[in-house]
Amino acid sequence: MLLRTRQEIPSSEITSQSVMREFQRNRRQFLAGLGTMAGAAMLPRTMFAATKLNASPTKYNLGDITPQSKVTSYNNFIEFGPDKSDPERNAQSMHVRPWTIQVDGLVKQKKTIDIDTLMKLRPIEQRVYRFRCVEGWSMVVPWDGFSLGEFLKTLDPLPSAKFVQFFTLHDPKQMPGVNSSGVGPQGYSEGLRMDEAMHPLTLMTFGSYGETLANQQGAPIRIIVPWKYGFKSPKSIVRIRFVDKQPETTWNDLNAPAYGFYSNVNPSVAPWRSQERERVLGSGFLPKIVGTQPFNGYGNEVAHLYAGMDLRVNY
């Protein structure tokens, strides 16, 4: 079992002006959300229906679980809007069935896989992972899925494949913010080195809290890489491509100094804001501020992947 070392911050810092400004912003979002909830109550219940998943828990665990309501109402999904509350409001009309994933690139045989067939490939596990955003907030979520690496093996990538690239849905009709998001017509893209993708911690994710993913969380399928910043966990995946060179990725293309390709959690690197501390979502009226751990607390499991690399350069 993983152990978490807490680095609490003095109360004088917790009540600093920056934290209080953030608190006031959250309070305004909460009050605005009351109106959203009232409107949602009038919509058909089937729009928000979630299927229960039969997931068995695993040993991975790092922290106190964040309330589900917080996780499903505070999301980064720029194709549905720039604010954290936009995805919950705007993503409900996205159609997640039928859904297929195209597999191509350096692979023995190109193929198209149906999501329902994919979900039956292996038993679904529940893994409680800490999820850390480059914006300075974190949450702990019970994600449901199975090893990405085990799935990638079934695709028979060629030995020359050194990276795997993921593309997400790009549909302006369903995604009201996609044209202003900076995401190109091929869709949001992310990439991992093959050994990162094959690591046992990397999860091909179909659900959370024992239910299928909500649309705003990246339904029907996303990736979770717990030792990296959240933007390295692409949502609503429609294509997987194997390549021999480091692929272009959306955030790295848009702002490389702030969003390095590797994006391992490194508190000592602050390309656009300090990463030494984080705000724990759902931790109470005054949010808890804690010290950020290298590799998001998963260093014992993944640090060997980067032996000999300068992590201030390859952040």
C-alpha atoms as a PDB file:
ATOM      1  CA  MET A   1       0.000   0.000   0.000  1.00  0.00           C
ATOM      2  CA  LEU A   2       1.248   3.477  -0.822  1.00  0.00           C
ATOM      3  CA  LEU A   3       1.786   5.848   2.062  1.00  0.00           C
ATOM      4  CA  ARG A   4       1.096   9.569   1.917  1.00  0.00           C
ATOM      5  CA  THR A   5       3.313  12.019   3.715  1.00  0.00           C
ATOM      6  CA  ARG A   6       1.397  15.167   4.557  1.00  0.00           C
ATOM      7  CA  GLN A   7       3.137  18.478   4.579  1.00  0.00           C
ATOM      8  CA  GLU A   8       0.669  20.789   6.250  1.00  0.00           C
ATOM      9  CA  ILE A   9       0.963  24.542   5.766  1.00  0.00           C
ATOM     10  CA  PRO A  10       0.739  27.039   8.634  1.00  0.00           C
ATOM     11  CA  SER A  11      -2.675  28.574   9.142  1.00  0.00           C
ATOM     12  CA  SER A  12      -1.245  31.986   8.390  1.00  0.00           C
ATOM     13  CA  GLU A  13      -0.593  30.822   4.844  1.00  0.00           C
ATOM     14  CA  ILE A  14      -3.912  29.048   4.452  1.00  0.00           C
ATOM     15  CA  THR A  15      -5.736  32.328   5.032  1.00  0.00           C
ATOM     16  CA  SER A  16      -3.570  34.282   2.629  1.00  0.00           C
ATOM     17  CA  GLN A  17      -5.151  36.693   0.166  1.00  0.00           C
ATOM     18  CA  SER A  18      -4.657  34.339  -2.790  1.00  0.00           C
ATOM     19  CA  VAL A  19      -6.466  31.510  -1.028  1.00  0.00           C
ATOM     20  CA  MET A  20      -9.304  33.760   0.058  1.00  0.00           C
ATOM     21  CA  ARG A  21      -9.726  35.028  -3.503  1.00  0.00           C
ATOM     22  CA  GLU A  22      -9.959  31.413  -4.642  1.00  0.00           C
ATOM     23  CA  PHE A  23     -12.488  30.708  -1.903  1.00  0.00           C
ATOM     24  CA  GLN A  24     -14.650  33.631  -2.996  1.00  0.00           C
ATOM     25  CA  ARG A  25     -14.495  32.408  -6.599  1.00  0.00           C
ATOM     26  CA  ASN A  26     -15.580  28.916  -5.558  1.00  0.00           C
ATOM     27  CA  ARG A  27     -18.404  30.379  -3.495  1.00  0.00           C
ATOM     28  CA  ARG A  28     -19.705  32.265  -6.517  1.00  0.00           C
ATOM     29  CA  GLN A  29     -19.497  29.087  -8.612  1.00  0.00           C
ATOM     30  CA  PHE A  30     -21.409  27.190  -5.926  1.00  0.00           C
ATOM     31  CA  LEU A  31     -24.225  29.753  -5.823  1.00  0.00           C
ATOM     32  CA  ALA A  32     -24.407  29.783  -9.616  1.00  0.00           C
ATOM     33  CA  GLY A  33     -24.473  26.011  -9.558  1.00  0.00           C
ATOM     34  CA  LEU A  34     -27.653  26.006  -7.494  1.00  0.00           C
ATOM     35  CA  GLY A  35     -29.443  27.476 -10.488  1.00  0.00           C
ATOM     36  CA  THR A  36     -27.879  24.858 -12.761  1.00  0.00           C
ATOM     37  CA  MET A  37     -29.055  22.076 -10.431  1.00  0.00           C
ATOM     38  CA  ALA A  38     -32.577  23.425 -10.463  1.00  0.00           C
ATOM     39  CA  GLY A  39     -32.588  23.424 -14.251  1.00  0.00           C
ATOM     40  CA  ALA A  40     -31.113  19.942 -14.380  1.00  0.00           C
ATOM     41  CA  ALA A  41     -33.942  18.612 -12.227  1.00  0.00           C
ATOM     42  CA  MET A  42     -36.371  19.366 -15.067  1.00  0.00           C
ATOM     43  CA  LEU A  43     -34.377  17.383 -17.655  1.00  0.00           C
ATOM     44  CA  PRO A  44     -35.074  13.714 -18.427  1.00  0.00           C
ATOM     45  CA  ARG A  45     -33.451  11.450 -15.844  1.00  0.00           C
ATOM     46  CA  THR A  46     -32.142   9.180 -18.595  1.00  0.00           C
ATOM     47  CA  MET A  47     -29.825  11.963 -19.704  1.00  0.00           C
ATOM     48  CA  PHE A  48     -27.813  11.491 -16.509  1.00  0.00           C
ATOM     49  CA  ALA A  49     -28.213   7.723 -16.162  1.00  0.00           C
ATOM     50  CA  ALA A  50     -25.058   5.791 -15.289  1.00  0.00           C
ATOM     51  CA  THR A  51     -24.491   2.060 -15.573  1.00  0.00           C
ATOM     52  CA  LYS A  52     -23.129   0.262 -12.529  1.00  0.00           C
ATOM     53  CA  LEU A  53     -19.757  -1.409 -13.071  1.00  0.00           C
ATOM     54  CA  ASN A  54     -18.726  -4.620 -11.371  1.00  0.00           C
ATOM     55  CA  ALA A  55     -15.260  -3.514 -10.319  1.00  0.00           C
ATOM     56  CA  SER A  56     -13.048  -5.219  -7.747  1.00  0.00           C
ATOM     57  CA  PRO A  57     -10.765  -2.956  -5.658  1.00  0.00           C
ATOM     58  CA  THR A  58      -6.969  -3.125  -5.967  1.00  0.00           C
ATOM     59  CA  LYS A  59      -4.048  -2.204  -3.733  1.00  0.00           C
ATOM     60  CA  TYR A  60      -3.471   1.248  -5.256  1.00  0.00           C
ATOM     61  CA  ASN A  61      -4.600   3.972  -2.866  1.00  0.00           C
ATOM     62  CA  LEU A  62      -3.262   7.412  -1.990  1.00  0.00           C
ATOM     63  CA  GLY A  63      -5.416   9.668   0.150  1.00  0.00           C
ATOM     64  CA  ASP A  64      -8.961  10.343   1.285  1.00  0.00           C
ATOM     65  CA  ILE A  65     -11.553   9.937  -1.454  1.00  0.00           C
ATOM     66  CA  THR A  66     -13.031  13.172  -2.835  1.00  0.00           C
ATOM     67  CA  PRO A  67     -16.865  13.408  -2.776  1.00  0.00           C
ATOM     68  CA  GLN A  68     -18.303  12.199  -6.082  1.00  0.00           C
ATOM     69  CA  SER A  69     -20.404  15.335  -6.513  1.00  0.00           C
ATOM     70  CA  LYS A  70     -17.239  17.458  -6.475  1.00  0.00           C
ATOM     71  CA  VAL A  71     -15.464  15.260  -9.021  1.00  0.00           C
ATOM     72  CA  THR A  72     -18.343  15.329 -11.505  1.00  0.00           C
ATOM     73  CA  SER A  73     -18.974  19.083 -11.224  1.00  0.00           C
ATOM     74  CA  TYR A  74     -15.406  20.433 -11.375  1.00  0.00           C
ATOM     75  CA  ASN A  75     -13.813  19.401 -14.662  1.00  0.00           C
ATOM     76  CA  ASN A  76     -11.264  20.451 -17.243  1.00  0.00           C
ATOM     77  CA  PHE A  77     -12.761  19.640 -20.655  1.00  0.00           C
ATOM     78  CA  ILE A  78     -12.142  22.696 -22.819  1.00  0.00           C
ATOM     79  CA  GLU A  79     -14.192  21.372 -25.733  1.00  0.00           C
ATOM     80  CA  PHE A  80     -17.233  22.044 -23.542  1.00  0.00           C
ATOM     81  CA  GLY A  81     -16.101  25.417 -22.218  1.00  0.00           C
ATOM     82  CA  PRO A  82     -13.223  27.047 -20.324  1.00  0.00           C
ATOM     83  CA  ASP A  83     -14.760  27.164 -16.829  1.00  0.00           C
ATOM     84  CA  LYS A  84     -14.757  24.197 -14.462  1.00  0.00           C
ATOM     85  CA  SER A  85     -18.576  24.159 -14.329  1.00  0.00           C
ATOM     86  CA  ASP A  86     -19.052  24.314 -18.134  1.00  0.00           C
ATOM     87  CA  PRO A  87     -18.481  20.610 -18.909  1.00  0.00           C
ATOM     88  CA  GLU A  88     -21.178  19.375 -16.532  1.00  0.00           C
ATOM     89  CA  ARG A  89     -23.653  21.789 -18.092  1.00  0.00           C
ATOM     90  CA  ASN A  90     -22.665  21.398 -21.752  1.00  0.00           C
ATOM     91  CA  ALA A  91     -21.560  17.779 -22.123  1.00  0.00           C
ATOM     92  CA  GLN A  92     -24.848  16.027 -21.385  1.00  0.00           C
ATOM     93  CA  SER A  93     -25.938  15.949 -25.027  1.00  0.00           C
ATOM     94  CA  MET A  94     -22.779  14.154 -26.204  1.00  0.00           C
ATOM     95  CA  HIS A  95     -23.625  10.755 -27.678  1.00  0.00           C
ATOM     96  CA  VAL A  96     -21.417   7.989 -26.294  1.00  0.00           C
ATOM     97  CA  ARG A  97     -23.067   5.100 -28.161  1.00  0.00           C
ATOM     98  CA  PRO A  98     -22.276   3.854 -30.690  1.00  0.00           C
ATOM     99  CA  TRP A  99     -18.568   4.487 -30.051  1.00  0.00           C
ATOM    100  CA  THR A 100     -15.537   3.027 -31.769  1.00  0.00           C
ATOM    101  CA  ILE A 101     -11.778   3.505 -31.497  1.00  0.00           C
ATOM    102  CA  GLN A 102      -9.542   3.463 -34.549  1.00  0.00           C
ATOM    103  CA  VAL A 103      -6.114   1.819 -34.111  1.00  0.00           C
ATOM    104  CA  ASP A 104      -3.365   2.605 -36.633  1.00  0.00           C
ATOM    105  CA  GLY A 105       0.256   3.618 -37.106  1.00  0.00           C
ATOM    106  CA  LEU A 106       3.075   1.177 -36.355  1.00  0.00           C
ATOM    107  CA  VAL A 107       0.866  -1.813 -35.673  1.00  0.00           C
ATOM    108  CA  LYS A 108       0.677  -5.220 -37.353  1.00  0.00           C
ATOM    109  CA  GLN A 109      -2.914  -4.678 -38.408  1.00  0.00           C
ATOM    110  CA  LYS A 110      -5.075  -1.571 -38.374  1.00  0.00           C
ATOM    111  CA  LYS A 111      -8.453  -2.104 -36.762  1.00  0.00           C
ATOM    112  CA  THR A 112     -11.565  -0.470 -35.360  1.00  0.00           C
ATOM    113  CA  ILE A 113     -12.740  -1.553 -31.911  1.00  0.00           C
ATOM    114  CA  ASP A 114     -16.232  -1.155 -30.474  1.00  0.00           C
ATOM    115  CA  ILE A 115     -16.285   0.264 -26.936  1.00  0.00           C
ATOM    116  CA  ASP A 116     -18.657  -2.387 -25.592  1.00  0.00           C
ATOM    117  CA  THR A 117     -16.422  -5.153 -26.939  1.00  0.00           C
ATOM    118  CA  LEU A 118     -13.422  -3.448 -25.375  1.00  0.00           C
ATOM    119  CA  MET A 119     -15.075  -3.223 -21.944  1.00  0.00           C
ATOM    120  CA  LYS A 120     -15.491  -7.017 -21.949  1.00  0.00           C
ATOM    121  CA  LEU A 121     -11.843  -7.656 -22.777  1.00  0.00           C
ATOM    122  CA  ARG A 122     -10.669  -7.897 -19.147  1.00  0.00           C
ATOM    123  CA  PRO A 123     -12.194  -7.760 -15.656  1.00  0.00           C
ATOM    124  CA  ILE A 124     -12.708  -4.153 -14.547  1.00  0.00           C
ATOM    125  CA  GLU A 125     -10.788  -3.061 -11.446  1.00  0.00           C
ATOM    126  CA  GLN A 126     -11.283  -0.083  -9.149  1.00  0.00           C
ATOM    127  CA  ARG A 127      -8.147   1.881  -8.353  1.00  0.00           C
ATOM    128  CA  VAL A 128      -8.097   4.836  -5.988  1.00  0.00           C
ATOM    129  CA  TYR A 129      -5.687   7.348  -7.513  1.00  0.00           C
ATOM    130  CA  ARG A 130      -4.608  10.851  -6.598  1.00  0.00           C
ATOM    131  CA  PHE A 131      -5.229  13.176  -9.556  1.00  0.00           C
ATOM    132  CA  ARG A 132      -3.230  16.425  -9.654  1.00  0.00           C
ATOM    133  CA  CYS A 133      -3.836  19.382 -11.997  1.00  0.00           C
ATOM    134  CA  VAL A 134      -1.152  21.796 -13.162  1.00  0.00           C
ATOM    135  CA  GLU A 135      -3.474  24.598 -11.994  1.00  0.00           C
ATOM    136  CA  GLY A 136      -2.732  23.650  -8.401  1.00  0.00           C
ATOM    137  CA  TRP A 137      -5.652  21.503  -7.249  1.00  0.00           C
ATOM    138  CA  SER A 138      -5.932  17.803  -6.555  1.00  0.00           C
ATOM    139  CA  MET A 139      -8.552  15.131  -5.914  1.00  0.00           C
ATOM    140  CA  VAL A 140      -8.580  11.436  -5.016  1.00  0.00           C
ATOM    141  CA  VAL A 141     -10.896   9.344  -7.196  1.00  0.00           C
ATOM    142  CA  PRO A 142     -11.844   5.644  -7.365  1.00  0.00           C
ATOM    143  CA  TRP A 143     -11.406   5.056 -11.108  1.00  0.00           C
ATOM    144  CA  ASP A 144     -12.754   1.911 -12.792  1.00  0.00           C
ATOM    145  CA  GLY A 145     -10.971   0.223 -15.676  1.00  0.00           C
ATOM    146  CA  PHE A 146      -8.049  -2.047 -16.455  1.00  0.00           C
ATOM    147  CA  SER A 147      -4.394  -1.839 -17.361  1.00  0.00           C
ATOM    148  CA  LEU A 148      -3.763   0.149 -20.525  1.00  0.00           C
ATOM    149  CA  GLY A 149      -0.615  -1.877 -21.102  1.00  0.00           C
ATOM    150  CA  GLU A 150      -2.500  -5.177 -21.155  1.00  0.00           C
ATOM    151  CA  PHE A 151      -4.823  -3.749 -23.794  1.00  0.00           C
ATOM    152  CA  LEU A 152      -1.990  -2.348 -25.911  1.00  0.00           C
ATOM    153  CA  LYS A 153      -0.391  -5.786 -26.043  1.00  0.00           C
ATOM    154  CA  THR A 154      -3.480  -7.131 -27.809  1.00  0.00           C
ATOM    155  CA  LEU A 155      -3.020  -4.545 -30.573  1.00  0.00           C
ATOM    156  CA  ASP A 156       0.359  -6.002 -31.625  1.00  0.00           C
ATOM    157  CA  PRO A 157       2.404  -2.800 -31.999  1.00  0.00           C
ATOM    158  CA  LEU A 158       5.560  -3.161 -34.062  1.00  0.00           C
ATOM    159  CA  PRO A 159       8.971  -3.169 -32.296  1.00  0.00           C
ATOM    160  CA  SER A 160       9.667   0.213 -33.917  1.00  0.00           C
ATOM    161  CA  ALA A 161       6.790   1.816 -31.968  1.00  0.00           C
ATOM    162  CA  LYS A 162       8.350   3.975 -29.239  1.00  0.00           C
ATOM    163  CA  PHE A 163       5.363   6.180 -28.413  1.00  0.00           C
ATOM    164  CA  VAL A 164       1.589   5.872 -28.401  1.00  0.00           C
ATOM    165  CA  GLN A 165      -0.625   8.825 -29.313  1.00  0.00           C
ATOM    166  CA  PHE A 166      -4.272   9.330 -28.365  1.00  0.00           C
ATOM    167  CA  PHE A 167      -6.845  11.478 -30.184  1.00  0.00           C
ATOM    168  CA  THR A 168     -10.136  12.592 -28.669  1.00  0.00           C
ATOM    169  CA  LEU A 169     -13.518  13.356 -30.178  1.00  0.00           C
ATOM    170  CA  HIS A 170     -13.702  16.554 -32.228  1.00  0.00           C
ATOM    171  CA  ASP A 171     -17.326  17.419 -32.976  1.00  0.00           C
ATOM    172  CA  PRO A 172     -18.373  21.091 -32.981  1.00  0.00           C
ATOM    173  CA  LYS A 173     -22.045  20.057 -33.109  1.00  0.00           C
ATOM    174  CA  GLN A 174     -21.770  18.299 -29.765  1.00  0.00           C
ATOM    175  CA  MET A 175     -18.946  20.335 -28.244  1.00  0.00           C
ATOM    176  CA  PRO A 176     -19.870  24.029 -28.050  1.00  0.00           C
ATOM    177  CA  GLY A 177     -16.389  25.145 -26.994  1.00  0.00           C
ATOM    178  CA  VAL A 178     -14.301  23.201 -29.475  1.00  0.00           C
ATOM    179  CA  ASN A 179     -13.890  25.996 -32.043  1.00  0.00           C
ATOM    180  CA  SER A 180     -12.555  28.442 -29.448  1.00  0.00           C
ATOM    181  CA  SER A 181     -10.475  25.891 -27.506  1.00  0.00           C
ATOM    182  CA  GLY A 182      -7.386  25.913 -29.714  1.00  0.00           C
ATOM    183  CA  VAL A 183      -7.816  22.192 -30.421  1.00  0.00           C
ATOM    184  CA  GLY A 184      -7.115  21.412 -34.075  1.00  0.00           C
ATOM    185  CA  PRO A 185      -9.495  19.578 -36.449  1.00  0.00           C
ATOM    186  CA  GLN A 186      -7.838  16.226 -35.734  1.00  0.00           C
ATOM    187  CA  GLY A 187      -8.946  16.516 -32.119  1.00  0.00           C
ATOM    188  CA  TYR A 188      -7.185  16.915 -28.800  1.00  0.00           C
ATOM    189  CA  SER A 189      -4.089  14.730 -28.798  1.00  0.00           C
ATOM    190  CA  GLU A 190      -1.799  13.387 -26.089  1.00  0.00           C
ATOM    191  CA  GLY A 191       1.093  10.965 -26.075  1.00  0.00           C
ATOM    192  CA  LEU A 192       3.061   8.651 -23.826  1.00  0.00           C
ATOM    193  CA  ARG A 193       6.331   6.853 -24.194  1.00  0.00           C
ATOM    194  CA  MET A 194       5.655   3.140 -24.630  1.00  0.00           C
ATOM    195  CA  ASP A 195       7.125   2.183 -21.261  1.00  0.00           C
ATOM    196  CA  GLU A 196       4.915   4.816 -19.591  1.00  0.00           C
ATOM    197  CA  ALA A 197       1.834   3.512 -21.369  1.00  0.00           C
ATOM    198  CA  MET A 198       2.721  -0.070 -20.446  1.00  0.00           C
ATOM    199  CA  HIS A 199       3.312   0.702 -16.763  1.00  0.00           C
ATOM    200  CA  PRO A 200       0.842  -1.136 -14.467  1.00  0.00           C
ATOM    201  CA  LEU A 201      -0.372   2.150 -12.944  1.00  0.00           C
ATOM    202  CA  THR A 202      -1.594   3.535 -16.291  1.00  0.00           C
ATOM    203  CA  LEU A 203      -5.312   2.867 -16.439  1.00  0.00           C
ATOM    204  CA  MET A 204      -7.683   2.550 -19.390  1.00  0.00           C
ATOM    205  CA  THR A 205     -10.704   4.020 -17.659  1.00  0.00           C
ATOM    206  CA  PHE A 206     -14.420   3.409 -18.200  1.00  0.00           C
ATOM    207  CA  GLY A 207     -15.891   4.690 -14.944  1.00  0.00           C
ATOM    208  CA  SER A 208     -15.542   6.174 -11.485  1.00  0.00           C
ATOM    209  CA  TYR A 209     -17.209   5.456  -8.147  1.00  0.00           C
ATOM    210  CA  GLY A 210     -18.487   2.161  -9.560  1.00  0.00           C
ATOM    211  CA  GLU A 211     -20.458   3.849 -12.356  1.00  0.00           C
ATOM    212  CA  THR A 212     -19.724   4.495 -16.017  1.00  0.00           C
ATOM    213  CA  LEU A 213     -17.953   7.789 -16.685  1.00  0.00           C
ATOM    214  CA  ALA A 214     -20.100  10.890 -16.790  1.00  0.00           C
ATOM    215  CA  ASN A 215     -19.840  12.725 -20.106  1.00  0.00           C
ATOM    216  CA  GLN A 216     -17.987  15.619 -18.509  1.00  0.00           C
ATOM    217  CA  GLN A 217     -15.378  13.163 -17.157  1.00  0.00           C
ATOM    218  CA  GLY A 218     -14.470  11.914 -20.627  1.00  0.00           C
ATOM    219  CA  ALA A 219     -17.057   9.222 -21.381  1.00  0.00           C
ATOM    220  CA  PRO A 220     -17.045   6.575 -22.581  1.00  0.00           C
ATOM    221  CA  ILE A 221     -13.276   5.977 -22.307  1.00  0.00           C
ATOM    222  CA  ARG A 222     -10.259   7.911 -21.114  1.00  0.00           C
ATOM    223  CA  ILE A 223      -6.741   7.314 -19.803  1.00  0.00           C
ATOM    224  CA  ILE A 224      -5.551   7.983 -16.249  1.00  0.00           C
ATOM    225  CA  VAL A 225      -1.800   8.402 -15.633  1.00  0.00           C
ATOM    226  CA  PRO A 226      -1.643   9.172 -11.885  1.00  0.00           C
ATOM    227  CA  TRP A 227       1.977  10.359 -11.621  1.00  0.00           C
ATOM    228  CA  LYS A 228       1.502  13.031 -14.303  1.00  0.00           C
ATOM    229  CA  TYR A 229      -0.473  16.272 -14.403  1.00  0.00           C
ATOM    230  CA  GLY A 230      -4.104  15.783 -15.331  1.00  0.00           C
ATOM    231  CA  PHE A 231      -3.893  17.004 -18.925  1.00  0.00           C
ATOM    232  CA  LYS A 232      -1.849  13.870 -19.749  1.00  0.00           C
ATOM    233  CA  SER A 233      -5.016  11.794 -19.210  1.00  0.00           C
ATOM    234  CA  PRO A 234      -6.976  12.289 -22.474  1.00  0.00           C
ATOM    235  CA  LYS A 235     -10.771  11.974 -22.521  1.00  0.00           C
ATOM    236  CA  SER A 236     -13.359  10.598 -24.977  1.00  0.00           C
ATOM    237  CA  ILE A 237     -10.756   8.743 -27.055  1.00  0.00           C
ATOM    238  CA  VAL A 238     -11.560   7.884 -30.672  1.00  0.00           C
ATOM    239  CA  ARG A 239      -8.119   6.968 -32.056  1.00  0.00           C
ATOM    240  CA  ILE A 240      -4.922   5.285 -30.859  1.00  0.00           C
ATOM    241  CA  ARG A 241      -1.815   5.631 -33.020  1.00  0.00           C
ATOM    242  CA  PHE A 242       1.620   4.025 -32.549  1.00  0.00           C
ATOM    243  CA  VAL A 243       4.611   6.093 -33.699  1.00  0.00           C
ATOM    244  CA  ASP A 244       8.406   5.927 -33.613  1.00  0.00           C
ATOM    245  CA  LYS A 245       9.053   9.560 -32.671  1.00  0.00           C
ATOM    246  CA  GLN A 246       7.755  11.800 -29.908  1.00  0.00           C
ATOM    247  CA  PRO A 247       4.330  12.898 -31.161  1.00  0.00           C
ATOM    248  CA  GLU A 248       2.891  16.377 -31.172  1.00  0.00           C
ATOM    249  CA  THR A 249       0.440  16.919 -28.329  1.00  0.00           C
ATOM    250  CA  THR A 250      -2.163  19.644 -27.930  1.00  0.00           C
ATOM    251  CA  TRP A 251      -1.018  21.469 -24.801  1.00  0.00           C
ATOM    252  CA  ASN A 252       2.647  21.061 -25.606  1.00  0.00           C
ATOM    253  CA  ASP A 253       1.947  22.673 -29.000  1.00  0.00           C
ATOM    254  CA  LEU A 254      -0.153  25.488 -27.533  1.00  0.00           C
ATOM    255  CA  ASN A 255       2.209  26.398 -24.685  1.00  0.00           C
ATOM    256  CA  ALA A 256       5.339  24.252 -24.482  1.00  0.00           C
ATOM    257  CA  PRO A 257       7.030  26.229 -21.648  1.00  0.00           C
ATOM    258  CA  ALA A 258       4.047  25.603 -19.368  1.00  0.00           C
ATOM    259  CA  TYR A 259       3.095  22.105 -20.525  1.00  0.00           C
ATOM    260  CA  GLY A 260       6.128  19.897 -21.049  1.00  0.00           C
ATOM    261  CA  PHE A 261       5.703  16.661 -22.968  1.00  0.00           C
ATOM    262  CA  TYR A 262       6.500  14.440 -19.990  1.00  0.00           C
ATOM    263  CA  SER A 263       4.476  16.451 -17.467  1.00  0.00           C
ATOM    264  CA  ASN A 264       5.573  14.371 -14.514  1.00  0.00           C
ATOM    265  CA  VAL A 265       4.559  16.103 -11.302  1.00  0.00           C
ATOM    266  CA  ASN A 266       7.706  17.990 -10.296  1.00  0.00           C
ATOM    267  CA  PRO A 267       7.136  20.537  -7.499  1.00  0.00           C
ATOM    268  CA  SER A 268      10.531  22.155  -8.156  1.00  0.00           C
ATOM    269  CA  VAL A 269       9.580  23.222 -11.697  1.00  0.00           C
ATOM    270  CA  ALA A 270       7.258  26.217 -11.980  1.00  0.00           C
ATOM    271  CA  PRO A 271       7.084  27.255 -15.651  1.00  0.00           C
ATOM    272  CA  TRP A 272       4.060  29.498 -15.090  1.00  0.00           C
ATOM    273  CA  ARG A 273       3.047  29.108 -11.441  1.00  0.00           C
ATOM    274  CA  SER A 274       4.396  27.492  -8.287  1.00  0.00           C
ATOM    275  CA  GLN A 275       3.744  23.747  -8.079  1.00  0.00           C
ATOM    276  CA  GLU A 276       4.976  23.266  -4.505  1.00  0.00           C
ATOM    277  CA  ARG A 277       1.502  23.230  -2.977  1.00  0.00           C
ATOM    278  CA  GLU A 278      -1.951  22.111  -3.977  1.00  0.00           C
ATOM    279  CA  ARG A 279      -5.554  22.721  -2.942  1.00  0.00           C
ATOM    280  CA  VAL A 280      -7.394  19.524  -2.019  1.00  0.00           C
ATOM    281  CA  LEU A 281     -10.878  19.628  -3.550  1.00  0.00           C
ATOM    282  CA  GLY A 282     -13.797  18.722  -1.317  1.00  0.00           C
ATOM    283  CA  SER A 283     -11.731  19.108   1.856  1.00  0.00           C
ATOM    284  CA  GLY A 284     -14.070  21.478   3.673  1.00  0.00           C
ATOM    285  CA  PHE A 285     -15.312  25.052   3.953  1.00  0.00           C
ATOM    286  CA  LEU A 286     -11.738  26.358   3.904  1.00  0.00           C
ATOM    287  CA  PRO A 287      -9.868  24.096   1.461  1.00  0.00           C
ATOM    288  CA  LYS A 288      -6.874  22.180   2.732  1.00  0.00           C
ATOM    289  CA  ILE A 289      -3.545  23.224   1.245  1.00  0.00           C
ATOM    290  CA  VAL A 290      -0.837  20.556   1.264  1.00  0.00           C
ATOM    291  CA  GLY A 291       2.652  20.115  -0.101  1.00  0.00           C
ATOM    292  CA  THR A 292       2.891  18.534  -3.555  1.00  0.00           C
ATOM    293  CA  GLN A 293       4.897  15.319  -3.759  1.00  0.00           C
ATOM    294  CA  PRO A 294       7.238  14.404  -6.634  1.00  0.00           C
ATOM    295  CA  PHE A 295       5.508  12.173  -9.169  1.00  0.00           C
ATOM    296  CA  ASN A 296       2.295  12.954  -7.268  1.00  0.00           C
ATOM    297  CA  GLY A 297       3.349  10.495  -4.557  1.00  0.00           C
ATOM    298  CA  TYR A 298       4.023   7.574  -6.929  1.00  0.00           C
ATOM    299  CA  GLY A 299       7.797   7.982  -7.089  1.00  0.00           C
ATOM    300  CA  ASN A 300       8.545   4.535  -5.681  1.00  0.00           C
ATOM    301  CA  GLU A 301       6.672   2.997  -8.591  1.00  0.00           C
ATOM    302  CA  VAL A 302       7.724   5.181 -11.540  1.00  0.00           C
ATOM    303  CA  ALA A 303      10.930   7.139 -10.823  1.00  0.00           C
ATOM    304  CA  HIS A 304      13.040   4.407 -12.446  1.00  0.00           C
ATOM    305  CA  LEU A 305      11.401   5.219 -15.805  1.00  0.00           C
ATOM    306  CA  TYR A 306      13.298   8.519 -15.849  1.00  0.00           C
ATOM    307  CA  ALA A 307      16.684   7.440 -14.487  1.00  0.00           C
ATOM    308  CA  GLY A 308      19.427   9.655 -15.908  1.00  0.00           C
ATOM    309  CA  MET A 309      16.991  12.281 -17.219  1.00  0.00           C
ATOM    310  CA  ASP A 310      17.128  15.911 -16.122  1.00  0.00           C
ATOM    311  CA  LEU A 311      13.585  16.332 -14.776  1.00  0.00           C
ATOM    312  CA  ARG A 312      13.934  20.109 -14.723  1.00  0.00           C
ATOM    313  CA  VAL A 313      14.322  19.998 -18.503  1.00  0.00           C
ATOM    314  CA  ASN A 314      12.085  17.015 -19.248  1.00  0.00           C
ATOM    315  CA  TYR A 315       9.289  18.148 -16.961  1.00  0.00           C
END
